N, C-alpha and C. Protein backbone atom coordinates (compact mmCIF):
# COMPACT_ATOMS: atom_id res chain seq x y z
N MET A 1 0.84 -1.19 0.00
CA MET A 1 0.00 0.00 0.00
C MET A 1 0.88 1.25 0.00
N LEU A 2 0.40 2.24 -0.69
CA LEU A 2 1.11 3.51 -0.70
C LEU A 2 0.83 4.27 0.59
N LYS A 3 1.87 4.83 1.13
CA LYS A 3 1.69 5.62 2.34
C LYS A 3 1.22 7.01 1.96
N ARG A 4 0.70 7.71 2.93
CA ARG A 4 0.19 9.05 2.70
C ARG A 4 1.29 9.98 2.19
N LYS A 5 2.49 9.84 2.72
CA LYS A 5 3.61 10.68 2.31
C LYS A 5 3.94 10.45 0.83
N HIS A 6 3.90 9.20 0.40
CA HIS A 6 4.18 8.89 -1.00
C HIS A 6 3.10 9.47 -1.92
N LEU A 7 1.86 9.44 -1.49
CA LEU A 7 0.79 10.02 -2.28
C LEU A 7 0.95 11.53 -2.42
N ILE A 8 1.36 12.17 -1.35
CA ILE A 8 1.59 13.62 -1.40
C ILE A 8 2.72 13.94 -2.36
N TRP A 9 3.82 13.19 -2.29
CA TRP A 9 4.95 13.42 -3.20
C TRP A 9 4.53 13.17 -4.65
N PHE A 10 3.73 12.15 -4.88
CA PHE A 10 3.26 11.85 -6.23
C PHE A 10 2.38 12.98 -6.76
N PHE A 11 1.48 13.49 -5.92
CA PHE A 11 0.62 14.60 -6.30
C PHE A 11 1.44 15.84 -6.61
N LEU A 12 2.45 16.13 -5.78
CA LEU A 12 3.31 17.30 -6.02
C LEU A 12 4.12 17.13 -7.30
N LEU A 13 4.55 15.91 -7.59
CA LEU A 13 5.28 15.65 -8.83
C LEU A 13 4.38 15.90 -10.04
N LEU A 14 3.16 15.41 -10.00
CA LEU A 14 2.22 15.65 -11.10
C LEU A 14 1.91 17.14 -11.25
N LEU A 15 1.74 17.82 -10.14
CA LEU A 15 1.48 19.25 -10.16
C LEU A 15 2.66 20.01 -10.76
N GLY A 16 3.87 19.63 -10.38
CA GLY A 16 5.07 20.27 -10.92
C GLY A 16 5.24 20.02 -12.40
N CYS A 17 4.97 18.81 -12.84
CA CYS A 17 5.07 18.50 -14.27
C CYS A 17 4.04 19.29 -15.07
N GLY A 18 2.85 19.38 -14.56
CA GLY A 18 1.81 20.15 -15.23
C GLY A 18 2.15 21.63 -15.29
N TYR A 19 2.69 22.15 -14.20
CA TYR A 19 3.07 23.57 -14.16
C TYR A 19 4.21 23.84 -15.13
N PHE A 20 5.21 22.97 -15.17
CA PHE A 20 6.33 23.14 -16.09
C PHE A 20 5.86 23.08 -17.53
N SER A 21 4.96 22.16 -17.83
CA SER A 21 4.43 22.04 -19.18
C SER A 21 3.65 23.29 -19.57
N THR A 22 2.84 23.79 -18.67
CA THR A 22 2.07 25.00 -18.94
C THR A 22 2.98 26.20 -19.16
N MET A 23 3.99 26.35 -18.31
CA MET A 23 4.90 27.48 -18.45
C MET A 23 5.72 27.38 -19.72
N SER A 24 6.04 26.19 -20.16
CA SER A 24 6.81 26.02 -21.39
C SER A 24 6.01 26.42 -22.62
N ASN A 25 4.71 26.25 -22.57
CA ASN A 25 3.88 26.53 -23.73
C ASN A 25 3.32 27.95 -23.76
N LEU A 26 3.52 28.72 -22.70
CA LEU A 26 3.02 30.10 -22.70
C LEU A 26 3.83 30.96 -23.65
N GLU A 27 3.14 31.78 -24.39
CA GLU A 27 3.82 32.67 -25.32
C GLU A 27 3.60 34.11 -24.85
N ILE A 28 4.38 34.47 -23.83
CA ILE A 28 4.33 35.83 -23.30
C ILE A 28 5.75 36.37 -23.23
N ASN A 29 5.87 37.61 -22.84
CA ASN A 29 7.16 38.25 -22.70
C ASN A 29 8.09 37.42 -21.80
N TYR A 30 9.38 37.34 -22.17
CA TYR A 30 10.32 36.52 -21.41
C TYR A 30 10.43 36.97 -19.97
N TYR A 31 10.49 38.28 -19.73
CA TYR A 31 10.60 38.79 -18.36
C TYR A 31 9.36 38.41 -17.54
N LEU A 32 8.20 38.60 -18.12
CA LEU A 32 6.96 38.26 -17.42
C LEU A 32 6.87 36.76 -17.15
N LYS A 33 7.35 35.96 -18.10
CA LYS A 33 7.34 34.51 -17.92
C LYS A 33 8.23 34.11 -16.74
N SER A 34 9.39 34.76 -16.60
CA SER A 34 10.28 34.41 -15.48
C SER A 34 9.68 34.82 -14.14
N VAL A 35 8.97 35.93 -14.12
CA VAL A 35 8.31 36.37 -12.88
C VAL A 35 7.20 35.40 -12.50
N VAL A 36 6.38 35.03 -13.48
CA VAL A 36 5.28 34.09 -13.23
C VAL A 36 5.82 32.72 -12.85
N PHE A 37 6.96 32.34 -13.43
CA PHE A 37 7.55 31.04 -13.13
C PHE A 37 8.01 30.95 -11.67
N LEU A 38 8.55 32.04 -11.12
CA LEU A 38 9.07 32.03 -9.76
C LEU A 38 8.00 32.30 -8.69
N LEU A 39 6.85 32.78 -9.09
CA LEU A 39 5.81 33.14 -8.13
C LEU A 39 5.38 31.99 -7.21
N PRO A 40 5.14 30.76 -7.70
CA PRO A 40 4.74 29.69 -6.77
C PRO A 40 5.83 29.34 -5.75
N MET A 41 7.09 29.42 -6.15
CA MET A 41 8.17 29.13 -5.21
C MET A 41 8.24 30.20 -4.12
N GLN A 42 8.02 31.45 -4.50
CA GLN A 42 8.01 32.52 -3.52
C GLN A 42 6.83 32.38 -2.55
N LEU A 43 5.67 32.03 -3.08
CA LEU A 43 4.51 31.83 -2.22
C LEU A 43 4.71 30.65 -1.27
N ALA A 44 5.31 29.58 -1.77
CA ALA A 44 5.59 28.42 -0.92
C ALA A 44 6.56 28.79 0.19
N ALA A 45 7.56 29.59 -0.12
CA ALA A 45 8.52 30.01 0.91
C ALA A 45 7.86 30.89 1.96
N ILE A 46 6.98 31.79 1.54
CA ILE A 46 6.27 32.65 2.49
C ILE A 46 5.36 31.83 3.39
N ILE A 47 4.64 30.89 2.82
CA ILE A 47 3.76 30.03 3.61
C ILE A 47 4.57 29.19 4.59
N TYR A 48 5.71 28.66 4.14
CA TYR A 48 6.55 27.83 5.01
C TYR A 48 7.10 28.64 6.18
N VAL A 49 7.59 29.82 5.92
CA VAL A 49 8.15 30.66 6.98
C VAL A 49 7.06 31.09 7.95
N THR A 50 5.89 31.41 7.43
CA THR A 50 4.76 31.78 8.29
C THR A 50 4.34 30.60 9.15
N TYR A 51 4.30 29.42 8.58
CA TYR A 51 3.94 28.22 9.34
C TYR A 51 4.93 27.95 10.45
N LEU A 52 6.24 28.10 10.18
CA LEU A 52 7.25 27.91 11.23
C LEU A 52 7.09 28.94 12.34
N GLY A 53 6.74 30.17 11.98
CA GLY A 53 6.54 31.20 12.99
C GLY A 53 5.38 30.89 13.90
N TRP A 54 4.28 30.40 13.34
CA TRP A 54 3.13 30.06 14.15
C TRP A 54 3.37 28.82 14.99
N LYS A 55 4.15 27.90 14.45
CA LYS A 55 4.41 26.66 15.15
C LYS A 55 5.28 26.90 16.40
N ARG A 56 6.18 27.87 16.31
CA ARG A 56 7.08 28.15 17.44
C ARG A 56 6.36 28.87 18.57
N ASN A 57 5.30 29.61 18.26
CA ASN A 57 4.58 30.38 19.31
C ASN A 57 3.65 29.54 20.07
């Protein structure tokens, strides 16, 4: 049986592949594409840091 952690990693892998495929096919300005490409990583970092802050309090 697959563990919950493996299912989460599999879902994140599928999500990442879909995001990469979508970003590769977008036909927008190169600068705007790089900003949009980094946005989810920045949001994930903000959520992670916020979660650590709440967890410590």
